[in-house]
N, C-alpha and C. Protein backbone atom coordinates (compact mmCIF):
# COMPACT_ATOMS: atom_id res chain seq x y z
N MET A 1 3.92 5.04 -3.55
CA MET A 1 3.34 4.94 -4.95
C MET A 1 4.47 5.27 -5.92
N VAL A 2 4.85 4.54 -6.87
CA VAL A 2 5.59 5.14 -7.82
C VAL A 2 4.62 5.21 -8.79
N ALA A 3 5.01 6.17 -9.86
CA ALA A 3 4.48 6.52 -11.36
C ALA A 3 5.22 5.65 -12.05
N SER A 4 4.19 4.84 -13.10
CA SER A 4 5.06 3.92 -14.02
C SER A 4 4.60 4.10 -15.21
N PRO A 5 5.67 4.28 -16.02
CA PRO A 5 4.99 5.06 -17.42
C PRO A 5 4.37 3.57 -18.37
N ARG A 6 4.11 2.42 -17.58
CA ARG A 6 3.64 1.28 -18.30
C ARG A 6 2.33 1.64 -18.97
N GLY A 7 2.27 1.57 -20.19
CA GLY A 7 1.22 2.25 -21.09
C GLY A 7 0.14 3.35 -20.54
N ARG A 8 1.11 4.34 -20.12
CA ARG A 8 0.73 5.59 -20.04
C ARG A 8 1.83 6.52 -20.62
N LEU A 9 2.04 6.53 -21.71
CA LEU A 9 3.02 7.44 -22.34
C LEU A 9 2.52 8.16 -23.45
N ARG A 10 1.73 8.90 -22.64
CA ARG A 10 0.93 10.32 -23.57
C ARG A 10 1.81 11.80 -23.83
N SER A 11 1.55 12.13 -24.91
CA SER A 11 2.18 13.22 -24.95
C SER A 11 1.40 14.72 -24.37
N THR A 12 0.91 14.64 -23.24
CA THR A 12 0.48 15.72 -22.72
C THR A 12 0.91 16.84 -22.13
N GLY A 13 2.18 16.54 -21.98
CA GLY A 13 3.34 17.50 -21.24
C GLY A 13 3.65 17.61 -20.03
N ARG A 14 2.83 17.63 -19.30
CA ARG A 14 2.68 18.04 -17.64
C ARG A 14 2.81 16.71 -16.79
N GLY A 15 2.50 15.64 -17.33
CA GLY A 15 2.66 14.39 -16.50
C GLY A 15 1.21 13.94 -16.21
N ASP A 16 0.16 14.34 -16.99
CA ASP A 16 -1.03 14.55 -16.65
C ASP A 16 -1.72 12.86 -16.27
N ALA A 17 -0.89 12.16 -17.29
CA ALA A 17 -1.40 10.79 -17.16
C ALA A 17 -1.02 9.96 -15.63
N TYR A 18 0.38 10.46 -15.36
CA TYR A 18 0.79 10.03 -13.72
C TYR A 18 0.06 10.24 -12.73
N ALA A 19 -0.58 11.93 -12.83
CA ALA A 19 -1.42 12.50 -11.88
C ALA A 19 -2.74 11.85 -11.78
N ASP A 20 -3.33 11.56 -12.89
CA ASP A 20 -4.62 10.95 -13.15
C ASP A 20 -4.46 9.45 -12.52
N ASP A 21 -2.97 8.46 -12.74
CA ASP A 21 -3.46 7.43 -12.04
C ASP A 21 -3.22 7.29 -10.54
N HIS A 22 -2.46 8.49 -10.25
CA HIS A 22 -2.37 8.49 -8.77
C HIS A 22 -3.54 8.56 -8.07
N VAL A 23 -4.67 9.60 -8.86
CA VAL A 23 -5.93 10.03 -8.18
C VAL A 23 -6.88 8.55 -8.60
N GLY A 24 -6.70 8.06 -9.61
CA GLY A 24 -7.32 6.66 -9.52
C GLY A 24 -7.31 5.53 -8.57
N LEU A 25 -5.95 5.50 -8.30
CA LEU A 25 -5.49 4.72 -7.21
C LEU A 25 -6.29 4.94 -5.70
N MET A 26 -5.99 6.30 -5.66
CA MET A 26 -6.58 6.87 -4.31
C MET A 26 -8.42 6.61 -4.31
N ASP A 27 -8.75 6.71 -5.58
CA ASP A 27 -10.17 6.17 -5.58
C ASP A 27 -10.02 5.08 -5.41
N HIS A 28 -9.47 4.07 -6.31
CA HIS A 28 -9.91 2.70 -5.96
C HIS A 28 -9.68 2.08 -4.33
N LEU A 29 -8.78 2.67 -3.89
CA LEU A 29 -8.29 2.17 -2.22
C LEU A 29 -9.59 3.32 -1.59
N GLY A 30 -10.21 3.81 -1.79
CA GLY A 30 -11.26 4.59 -1.21
C GLY A 30 -10.65 5.57 -0.27
N ILE A 31 -9.71 6.10 -0.58
CA ILE A 31 -9.16 7.08 0.33
C ILE A 31 -9.09 8.87 -0.57
N ARG A 32 -9.82 9.62 -0.05
CA ARG A 32 -10.41 10.84 -0.29
C ARG A 32 -9.41 11.90 -0.16
N GLU A 33 -8.47 12.02 1.12
CA GLU A 33 -7.32 12.89 1.24
C GLU A 33 -6.28 11.84 1.55
N PHE A 34 -4.99 12.46 0.91
CA PHE A 34 -3.95 11.86 0.89
C PHE A 34 -2.59 12.88 0.98
N MET A 35 -1.51 12.11 1.74
CA MET A 35 -0.04 13.31 1.56
C MET A 35 0.56 12.39 0.67
N VAL A 36 1.48 13.44 0.04
CA VAL A 36 2.52 12.88 -1.07
C VAL A 36 3.72 13.22 -1.09
N LEU A 37 4.96 12.46 -1.20
CA LEU A 37 6.25 12.70 -1.04
C LEU A 37 6.95 12.44 -2.35
N GLY A 38 7.90 13.07 -2.79
CA GLY A 38 8.60 12.83 -4.02
C GLY A 38 9.66 13.15 -4.40
N PHE A 39 10.63 12.56 -4.88
CA PHE A 39 11.83 13.29 -5.15
C PHE A 39 12.01 13.21 -6.67
N CYS A 40 12.97 14.31 -6.83
CA CYS A 40 13.38 14.55 -8.35
C CYS A 40 12.15 15.01 -9.36
N ILE A 41 11.94 14.14 -10.02
CA ILE A 41 10.48 14.26 -11.04
C ILE A 41 9.70 14.20 -10.20
N GLY A 42 9.72 13.80 -9.14
CA GLY A 42 8.35 13.61 -8.30
C GLY A 42 8.08 14.96 -7.70
N GLY A 43 8.90 15.98 -7.64
CA GLY A 43 8.49 17.40 -7.36
C GLY A 43 7.76 17.78 -8.38
N PRO A 44 7.82 18.05 -9.61
CA PRO A 44 7.01 18.61 -10.63
C PRO A 44 5.45 17.79 -11.07
N PHE A 45 5.81 16.24 -10.27
CA PHE A 45 4.59 15.60 -10.58
C PHE A 45 3.73 15.98 -9.55
N ILE A 46 4.19 16.47 -8.41
CA ILE A 46 3.25 16.93 -7.37
C ILE A 46 2.65 17.80 -7.56
N TRP A 47 3.24 19.23 -8.17
CA TRP A 47 2.89 20.23 -8.46
C TRP A 47 1.74 19.96 -9.24
N ASN A 48 1.93 19.15 -10.30
CA ASN A 48 0.57 18.90 -11.17
C ASN A 48 -0.35 18.45 -10.45
N LEU A 49 -0.31 17.21 -10.10
CA LEU A 49 -1.30 16.29 -9.10
C LEU A 49 -1.93 17.76 -7.75
N LEU A 50 -1.17 18.51 -7.56
CA LEU A 50 -1.96 19.82 -6.59
C LEU A 50 -2.91 20.11 -7.55
N ARG A 51 -2.48 20.55 -9.18
CA ARG A 51 -3.44 21.14 -9.90
C ARG A 51 -4.36 20.56 -10.14
N ARG A 52 -4.33 19.25 -10.68
CA ARG A 52 -5.31 18.47 -11.10
C ARG A 52 -6.39 17.77 -10.22
N ALA A 53 -5.89 17.85 -8.60
CA ALA A 53 -6.87 17.13 -7.77
C ALA A 53 -6.59 18.19 -6.59
N PRO A 54 -7.22 19.55 -6.60
CA PRO A 54 -7.40 20.39 -5.78
C PRO A 54 -7.95 19.86 -4.59
N GLY A 55 -7.75 19.94 -3.00
CA GLY A 55 -8.48 19.40 -1.97
C GLY A 55 -8.20 17.92 -1.71
N ARG A 56 -7.79 17.26 -2.57
CA ARG A 56 -7.25 15.85 -2.20
C ARG A 56 -5.98 15.80 -1.47
N VAL A 57 -5.10 16.55 -1.89
CA VAL A 57 -3.65 16.28 -1.21
C VAL A 57 -3.97 17.12 -0.05
N VAL A 58 -3.58 17.04 1.08
CA VAL A 58 -3.59 17.82 2.36
C VAL A 58 -2.36 18.01 2.53
N ALA A 59 -0.95 17.34 2.10
CA ALA A 59 0.44 18.12 2.45
C ALA A 59 1.01 17.22 1.38
N ALA A 60 2.15 17.96 1.11
CA ALA A 60 3.32 17.70 0.28
C ALA A 60 4.56 18.03 0.56
N VAL A 61 5.67 16.80 0.17
CA VAL A 61 6.97 17.17 0.42
C VAL A 61 7.67 16.79 -0.97
N LEU A 62 8.48 17.61 -1.40
CA LEU A 62 9.17 17.82 -2.43
C LEU A 62 10.63 18.06 -2.22
N ALA A 63 11.27 16.47 -2.18
CA ALA A 63 12.75 16.38 -2.04
C ALA A 63 13.46 16.38 -3.37
N GLN A 64 14.69 17.23 -3.13
CA GLN A 64 15.20 17.23 -4.33
C GLN A 64 14.63 17.62 -5.91
N PRO A 65 13.94 18.58 -5.50
CA PRO A 65 12.71 18.53 -6.89
C PRO A 65 13.76 18.99 -8.06
N SER A 66 13.08 18.52 -9.10
CA SER A 66 13.83 18.90 -10.71
C SER A 66 13.08 19.99 -11.01
N GLY A 67 13.81 20.94 -11.56
CA GLY A 67 13.38 22.07 -12.03
C GLY A 67 14.03 22.52 -13.41
N PHE A 68 13.87 23.58 -14.15
CA PHE A 68 14.42 24.12 -15.62
C PHE A 68 15.74 25.16 -14.95
N ARG A 69 16.79 24.60 -15.49
CA ARG A 69 17.58 25.66 -15.11
C ARG A 69 18.24 26.28 -16.46
N PRO A 70 17.96 27.61 -16.59
CA PRO A 70 18.53 28.36 -17.71
C PRO A 70 19.68 27.83 -18.32
N THR A 71 20.61 27.85 -17.78
CA THR A 71 22.00 27.67 -18.25
C THR A 71 21.98 26.15 -18.90
N MET A 72 21.05 25.21 -18.51
CA MET A 72 21.49 23.84 -19.30
C MET A 72 20.00 23.48 -19.69
N PRO A 73 19.46 24.31 -20.51
CA PRO A 73 17.81 24.06 -20.87
C PRO A 73 17.25 22.87 -21.45
N ASP A 74 18.41 21.91 -22.16
CA ASP A 74 18.07 20.85 -22.57
C ASP A 74 18.67 19.58 -21.61
N LEU A 75 18.93 20.08 -20.52
CA LEU A 75 19.47 18.76 -19.65
C LEU A 75 18.57 17.91 -19.81
N PHE A 76 17.18 17.92 -19.58
CA PHE A 76 16.12 16.72 -19.21
C PHE A 76 16.16 16.06 -20.14
N TYR A 77 15.64 16.65 -21.20
CA TYR A 77 15.39 15.93 -22.60
C TYR A 77 16.70 14.67 -23.17
N GLN A 78 17.66 15.53 -23.00
CA GLN A 78 18.97 14.73 -23.35
C GLN A 78 19.40 13.56 -22.04
N ASN A 79 19.40 13.87 -21.10
CA ASN A 79 19.38 12.86 -19.87
C ASN A 79 18.36 11.60 -20.23
N ASN A 80 16.89 12.01 -20.51
CA ASN A 80 16.33 10.91 -20.33
C ASN A 80 16.32 10.21 -21.68
N ILE A 81 16.21 11.11 -22.91
CA ILE A 81 16.42 10.29 -23.97
C ILE A 81 17.74 9.23 -24.51
N LYS A 82 18.54 9.78 -23.74
CA LYS A 82 19.66 8.53 -23.69
C LYS A 82 19.70 7.41 -22.45
N GLY A 83 19.20 7.99 -21.23
CA GLY A 83 19.22 7.18 -19.93
C GLY A 83 18.00 6.65 -19.77
N TRP A 84 16.91 6.87 -19.66
CA TRP A 84 15.33 6.61 -19.82
C TRP A 84 14.65 5.79 -20.65
N ALA A 85 14.83 6.73 -21.91
CA ALA A 85 14.17 6.02 -23.26
C ALA A 85 14.38 4.81 -23.51
N PRO A 86 15.60 4.65 -23.82
CA PRO A 86 15.92 3.42 -24.28
C PRO A 86 15.41 2.21 -23.54
N GLY A 87 15.79 2.06 -22.07
CA GLY A 87 15.47 1.08 -21.67
C GLY A 87 13.85 0.91 -21.07
N LEU A 88 12.95 1.94 -21.28
CA LEU A 88 11.78 1.84 -21.32
C LEU A 88 11.11 1.27 -22.64
N CYS A 89 11.78 1.64 -23.81
CA CYS A 89 11.67 0.92 -24.94
C CYS A 89 11.83 -0.63 -25.42
N GLU A 90 12.57 -1.16 -24.34
CA GLU A 90 13.48 -2.40 -24.33
C GLU A 90 12.19 -3.12 -23.58
N ARG A 91 11.92 -2.39 -22.67
CA ARG A 91 10.66 -3.42 -21.60
C ARG A 91 9.48 -3.24 -22.32
N GLN A 92 8.74 -2.14 -22.89
CA GLN A 92 7.69 -2.21 -23.46
C GLN A 92 7.95 -1.89 -24.85
N PRO A 93 7.88 -2.79 -25.67
CA PRO A 93 8.16 -2.95 -27.03
C PRO A 93 7.05 -1.84 -27.98
N GLN A 94 6.02 -1.68 -27.45
CA GLN A 94 5.07 -1.29 -28.01
C GLN A 94 5.31 0.26 -28.17
N ILE A 95 6.28 0.59 -27.30
CA ILE A 95 6.67 2.20 -27.30
C ILE A 95 7.91 2.49 -28.18
N THR A 96 7.74 3.05 -28.93
CA THR A 96 9.38 3.46 -29.85
C THR A 96 9.91 4.68 -29.15
N MET A 97 11.27 4.70 -29.38
CA MET A 97 12.02 6.00 -29.41
C MET A 97 11.52 7.15 -29.84
N GLN A 98 10.51 7.28 -31.12
CA GLN A 98 10.03 8.09 -31.44
C GLN A 98 9.03 8.69 -30.50
N MET A 99 8.33 7.64 -30.18
CA MET A 99 7.15 8.30 -29.00
C MET A 99 7.85 8.64 -27.60
N ALA A 100 8.63 8.00 -27.28
CA ALA A 100 9.46 8.27 -26.10
C ALA A 100 10.04 9.98 -26.46
N GLY A 101 10.70 10.03 -27.50
CA GLY A 101 10.94 11.69 -27.85
C GLY A 101 10.14 12.69 -27.80
N ALA A 102 8.91 12.04 -28.40
CA ALA A 102 7.82 13.31 -28.52
C ALA A 102 7.21 13.45 -27.20
N PHE A 103 7.16 12.27 -26.05
CA PHE A 103 6.71 12.75 -24.71
C PHE A 103 7.64 13.44 -24.30
N LEU A 104 9.11 13.31 -24.07
CA LEU A 104 10.12 14.07 -23.58
C LEU A 104 10.19 15.41 -24.12
N ASN A 105 9.93 15.70 -25.37
CA ASN A 105 9.81 16.79 -26.13
C ASN A 105 8.59 17.96 -25.49
N LYS A 106 7.63 17.09 -25.13
CA LYS A 106 6.56 17.76 -24.81
C LYS A 106 6.57 18.06 -23.10
N MET A 107 7.30 17.20 -22.53
CA MET A 107 7.35 17.61 -21.21
C MET A 107 8.66 18.48 -20.83
N TYR A 108 9.65 18.38 -21.46
CA TYR A 108 10.59 18.97 -20.99
C TYR A 108 11.11 20.52 -22.08
N ARG A 109 10.60 20.30 -23.05
CA ARG A 109 11.16 21.46 -24.05
C ARG A 109 9.78 22.25 -24.33
N SER A 110 8.47 21.82 -24.27
CA SER A 110 7.47 22.51 -24.62
C SER A 110 7.05 23.23 -23.32
N ASN A 111 7.68 22.88 -22.25
CA ASN A 111 6.65 23.62 -20.94
C ASN A 111 8.31 23.77 -20.29
N ALA A 112 9.68 24.41 -21.04
CA ALA A 112 10.79 24.49 -20.49
C ALA A 112 11.03 25.83 -19.65
N ASP A 113 10.63 26.03 -18.41
CA ASP A 113 10.34 26.96 -17.29
C ASP A 113 9.91 26.36 -16.12
N PHE A 114 10.50 27.09 -15.01
CA PHE A 114 10.22 26.83 -13.41
C PHE A 114 10.18 25.02 -13.15
N VAL A 115 9.15 24.66 -12.72
CA VAL A 115 8.82 23.26 -12.66
C VAL A 115 8.55 22.56 -13.47
N PHE A 116 8.31 22.83 -14.91
CA PHE A 116 7.82 21.94 -15.89
C PHE A 116 6.05 22.01 -15.89
N THR A 117 5.78 21.56 -14.71
CA THR A 117 4.45 21.48 -14.69
C THR A 117 3.44 22.28 -14.52
N VAL A 118 3.49 23.42 -13.67
CA VAL A 118 2.48 24.45 -13.55
C VAL A 118 3.37 25.82 -13.44
N THR A 119 2.52 26.66 -13.56
CA THR A 119 2.99 28.25 -13.73
C THR A 119 3.36 28.47 -12.09
N ARG A 120 4.38 29.95 -12.10
CA ARG A 120 4.37 30.31 -10.88
C ARG A 120 3.05 30.90 -10.08
N ASP A 121 2.22 31.24 -10.95
CA ASP A 121 1.04 31.90 -10.54
C ASP A 121 -0.01 30.63 -10.14
N PHE A 122 0.12 29.19 -10.21
CA PHE A 122 -0.73 28.42 -9.89
C PHE A 122 0.00 28.00 -8.24
N VAL A 123 1.30 28.37 -8.48
CA VAL A 123 2.13 27.89 -6.77
C VAL A 123 1.86 29.03 -6.00
N LYS A 124 1.54 30.40 -6.14
CA LYS A 124 1.35 31.41 -5.38
C LYS A 124 -0.28 31.22 -4.95
N SER A 125 -0.96 30.61 -5.85
CA SER A 125 -2.30 30.22 -5.15
C SER A 125 -2.63 29.07 -4.62
N CYS A 126 -1.56 28.15 -4.73
CA CYS A 126 -1.69 26.95 -3.95
C CYS A 126 -1.72 26.97 -2.50
N GLN A 127 -2.73 26.17 -1.78
CA GLN A 127 -2.84 26.69 -0.35
C GLN A 127 -2.28 25.71 0.26
N THR A 128 -2.24 24.51 -0.24
CA THR A 128 -1.84 23.07 0.42
C THR A 128 -0.57 23.52 0.85
N PRO A 129 -0.46 22.78 2.17
CA PRO A 129 0.92 22.75 2.87
C PRO A 129 2.17 22.16 2.19
N ILE A 130 3.38 22.70 1.88
CA ILE A 130 4.44 21.98 1.25
C ILE A 130 5.94 22.26 2.16
N LEU A 131 6.47 21.14 2.22
CA LEU A 131 7.98 20.74 2.51
C LEU A 131 8.88 20.84 1.24
N VAL A 132 9.92 21.74 1.58
CA VAL A 132 10.68 21.30 0.36
C VAL A 132 11.96 21.03 0.97
N LEU A 133 12.88 20.00 0.36
CA LEU A 133 14.08 19.46 1.08
C LEU A 133 15.07 19.92 -0.24
N PRO A 134 15.52 21.13 -0.39
CA PRO A 134 16.19 21.14 -1.78
C PRO A 134 17.42 20.39 -1.76
N ASP A 135 18.21 20.62 -3.00
CA ASP A 135 19.32 20.04 -3.71
C ASP A 135 19.84 21.26 -4.54
N ASP A 136 21.35 20.63 -4.90
CA ASP A 136 21.90 21.63 -6.12
C ASP A 136 22.77 21.27 -6.64
N VAL A 137 22.02 20.16 -7.39
CA VAL A 137 23.06 19.54 -8.72
C VAL A 137 22.23 19.74 -9.82
N PRO A 138 22.46 19.87 -11.17
CA PRO A 138 22.19 20.12 -12.26
C PRO A 138 20.84 19.98 -12.38
N ALA A 139 20.31 18.92 -12.49
CA ALA A 139 18.96 18.39 -12.39
C ALA A 139 18.00 18.94 -11.61
N HIS A 140 18.57 19.51 -10.12
CA HIS A 140 17.82 19.83 -8.69
C HIS A 140 18.28 21.29 -8.46
N PRO A 141 17.75 22.30 -9.13
CA PRO A 141 18.26 23.66 -8.95
C PRO A 141 17.90 24.41 -7.66
N TYR A 142 18.70 24.75 -6.89
CA TYR A 142 18.63 25.00 -5.57
C TYR A 142 17.38 26.62 -5.92
N ALA A 143 17.92 27.50 -6.74
CA ALA A 143 17.32 28.34 -6.89
C ALA A 143 15.56 28.23 -7.37
N VAL A 144 15.48 26.92 -7.96
CA VAL A 144 13.84 26.91 -8.30
C VAL A 144 12.98 26.33 -7.36
N ALA A 145 13.65 25.56 -6.23
CA ALA A 145 13.33 24.82 -5.21
C ALA A 145 13.05 26.04 -4.14
N LEU A 146 13.91 26.92 -4.00
CA LEU A 146 13.76 28.02 -3.23
C LEU A 146 12.73 29.06 -3.78
N GLU A 147 12.58 29.00 -5.06
CA GLU A 147 11.77 30.20 -5.65
C GLU A 147 10.20 29.26 -5.22
N SER A 148 9.94 28.11 -5.35
CA SER A 148 8.82 27.39 -5.52
C SER A 148 8.61 27.68 -3.97
N ALA A 149 9.33 27.42 -2.95
CA ALA A 149 9.21 27.63 -1.52
C ALA A 149 8.63 29.32 -1.14
N HIS A 150 9.20 30.06 -1.67
CA HIS A 150 9.18 31.49 -1.46
C HIS A 150 7.77 31.77 -1.90
N LEU A 151 7.09 31.26 -3.03
CA LEU A 151 6.01 31.55 -3.72
C LEU A 151 4.56 30.91 -2.95
N ALA A 152 4.71 29.64 -2.84
CA ALA A 152 3.76 28.93 -2.11
C ALA A 152 3.58 29.39 -0.86
N PRO A 153 2.13 29.89 -0.54
CA PRO A 153 2.07 30.62 0.58
C PRO A 153 2.27 29.82 2.03
N ASN A 154 1.96 28.35 1.83
CA ASN A 154 1.87 27.46 2.80
C ASN A 154 3.08 26.60 2.90
N ALA A 155 4.31 27.12 2.41
CA ALA A 155 5.37 26.17 2.26
C ALA A 155 6.38 26.36 3.44
N GLN A 156 7.03 25.50 3.46
CA GLN A 156 8.50 25.27 4.29
C GLN A 156 9.59 24.78 3.82
N VAL A 157 10.81 25.31 4.10
CA VAL A 157 11.80 24.77 3.21
C VAL A 157 12.81 24.10 4.57
N SER A 158 13.37 22.80 4.44
CA SER A 158 14.32 22.15 5.38
C SER A 158 15.72 22.92 5.23
N ILE A 159 16.20 22.29 6.09
CA ILE A 159 17.90 22.89 6.10
C ILE A 159 18.32 22.46 4.74
N TYR A 160 19.73 23.09 4.42
CA TYR A 160 20.21 22.78 3.28
C TYR A 160 21.72 22.88 3.38
N PRO A 161 22.72 22.25 3.01
CA PRO A 161 22.55 21.22 2.40
C PRO A 161 21.92 19.74 3.39
N TRP A 162 20.88 18.96 3.15
CA TRP A 162 19.94 18.22 4.10
C TRP A 162 20.90 16.85 4.20
N LYS A 163 21.96 16.63 2.95
CA LYS A 163 22.33 15.49 2.96
C LYS A 163 23.75 15.24 3.06
N ALA A 164 24.06 16.39 3.49
CA ALA A 164 25.98 16.34 3.71
C ALA A 164 26.40 15.37 4.94
N ASN A 165 25.62 14.88 5.68
CA ASN A 165 26.33 14.02 6.82
C ASN A 165 25.34 13.53 7.50
N PRO A 166 25.03 12.30 8.37
CA PRO A 166 24.37 11.86 8.91
C PRO A 166 23.34 12.70 9.65
N GLU A 167 24.27 13.74 10.39
CA GLU A 167 23.75 14.41 11.80
C GLU A 167 22.42 15.14 10.73
N GLN A 168 22.42 15.86 9.62
CA GLN A 168 21.88 16.56 8.68
C GLN A 168 20.65 16.11 8.47
N ILE A 169 21.41 14.94 7.75
CA ILE A 169 20.22 13.86 7.34
C ILE A 169 19.22 13.81 8.85
N GLN A 170 19.40 13.51 9.67
CA GLN A 170 18.65 13.18 10.91
C GLN A 170 17.93 14.35 11.22
N LEU A 171 18.60 15.49 11.29
CA LEU A 171 17.38 17.20 11.08
C LEU A 171 16.51 16.76 10.22
N ALA A 172 16.96 16.85 8.95
CA ALA A 172 16.09 16.71 7.94
C ALA A 172 14.53 15.77 8.19
N LEU A 173 14.84 14.81 8.40
CA LEU A 173 14.08 13.36 8.76
C LEU A 173 13.09 14.17 10.06
N ARG A 174 13.42 14.61 10.94
CA ARG A 174 13.09 15.03 12.33
C ARG A 174 12.05 16.35 11.77
N HIS A 175 12.35 16.97 10.99
CA HIS A 175 11.55 18.55 10.27
C HIS A 175 10.42 17.27 9.06
N LEU A 176 10.89 16.66 8.71
CA LEU A 176 9.92 16.01 7.64
C LEU A 176 8.80 15.13 8.43
N ARG A 177 9.22 14.66 9.42
CA ARG A 177 8.32 14.02 10.45
C ARG A 177 7.17 14.70 11.15
N ALA A 178 7.56 15.94 11.73
CA ALA A 178 6.84 17.24 12.51
C ALA A 178 5.74 17.41 11.21
N PHE A 179 6.34 17.79 9.99
CA PHE A 179 5.36 18.43 9.24
C PHE A 179 4.26 17.10 8.67
N LEU A 180 4.86 15.98 8.46
CA LEU A 180 3.52 15.15 8.16
C LEU A 180 2.78 14.71 9.53
N LYS A 181 3.17 14.65 10.23
CA LYS A 181 2.10 14.60 11.73
C LYS A 181 1.32 16.09 11.84
N ALA A 182 1.80 16.95 11.54
CA ALA A 182 1.03 18.21 11.49
C ALA A 182 -0.19 18.02 10.57
N HIS A 183 -0.10 17.48 9.65
CA HIS A 183 -0.74 17.99 8.13
C HIS A 183 -1.59 16.30 8.25
N ARG A 184 -1.16 15.42 9.14
CA ARG A 184 -1.77 14.05 8.66
C ARG A 184 -3.51 14.02 8.52
N PRO A 185 -4.03 13.53 7.48
CA PRO A 185 -5.27 13.54 7.10
C PRO A 185 -6.55 13.22 8.35
N ALA A 186 -7.34 13.93 8.28
CA ALA A 186 -8.65 13.25 9.38
C ALA A 186 -8.75 12.03 9.46
N ALA A 187 -9.29 11.23 10.09
CA ALA A 187 -9.58 9.74 10.38
C ALA A 187 -10.37 9.23 9.34
N GLY A 188 -11.54 10.34 9.10
CA GLY A 188 -12.63 10.42 8.39
C GLY A 188 -12.19 10.52 6.94
N ALA A 189 -10.94 10.54 6.64
CA ALA A 189 -10.74 11.11 5.08
C ALA A 189 -10.30 10.00 4.54
N THR A 190 -10.13 8.69 5.32
CA THR A 190 -9.71 7.37 4.45
C THR A 190 -10.97 6.64 4.41
N GLN A 191 -12.34 6.60 4.74
CA GLN A 191 -13.24 6.14 4.52
C GLN A 191 -13.62 6.28 2.96
N PRO A 192 -14.45 4.97 2.66
CA PRO A 192 -14.51 4.97 1.30
C PRO A 192 -15.18 6.25 0.93
N LEU A 193 -15.07 6.34 -0.52
CA LEU A 193 -15.44 7.72 -1.36
C LEU A 193 -17.35 7.71 -1.12
N ALA A 194 -17.35 6.60 -1.35
CA ALA A 194 -19.20 6.22 -1.37
C ALA A 194 -19.91 6.91 -0.23
N ALA A 195 -19.20 6.24 0.76
CA ALA A 195 -19.72 6.43 2.19
C ALA A 195 -19.28 8.23 2.48
N ALA A 196 -18.30 8.65 1.92
CA ALA A 196 -18.07 10.18 2.42
C ALA A 196 -19.07 11.04 1.61
N ALA A 197 -19.68 10.53 0.34
CA ALA A 197 -20.93 11.35 -0.30
C ALA A 197 -21.61 11.08 0.21
N GLN A 198 -22.26 10.20 1.18
CA GLN A 198 -23.80 10.03 1.87
C GLN A 198 -23.80 11.17 2.89
């Protein structure tokens, strides 16, 4: 699944519309429990999904997760207002640059800390198994990835750097596969929601 801004550009701040869309899709498919994997901004969106749909996500993988870097506080707003917003407005004429700017302001400036979408206290309380594959480029700060892994009680961290060469990628993939296999939802978790409620 890929989160799409089509028709869902609301200034909720934490990406609540994306989380609601993901849960809505799983409901539509009749899937009660599921695993998630996200790269870059998918990391903060996963944290928000865990907050908004407790008990639904049985395991989460955050690869190269985005996070707030105090030395570059406006990085995400500037990157997205210049790189993402113009293309979005061109593809979706009902969305203006002013709307995109308000969305990005709420997402990245109003919540300018940690992983943007949840607090450290939430991460400390989150019991969902988490695997973090850290990175260290401006948008994916290693310090934030490691802090979230240290705070989350059921978190693991893969090797770093995991993308440096084909051998390290294979090691990270082996870790990822073992993690997902260990946390696979029970067979009954994919039964239709109506049947599960009976």
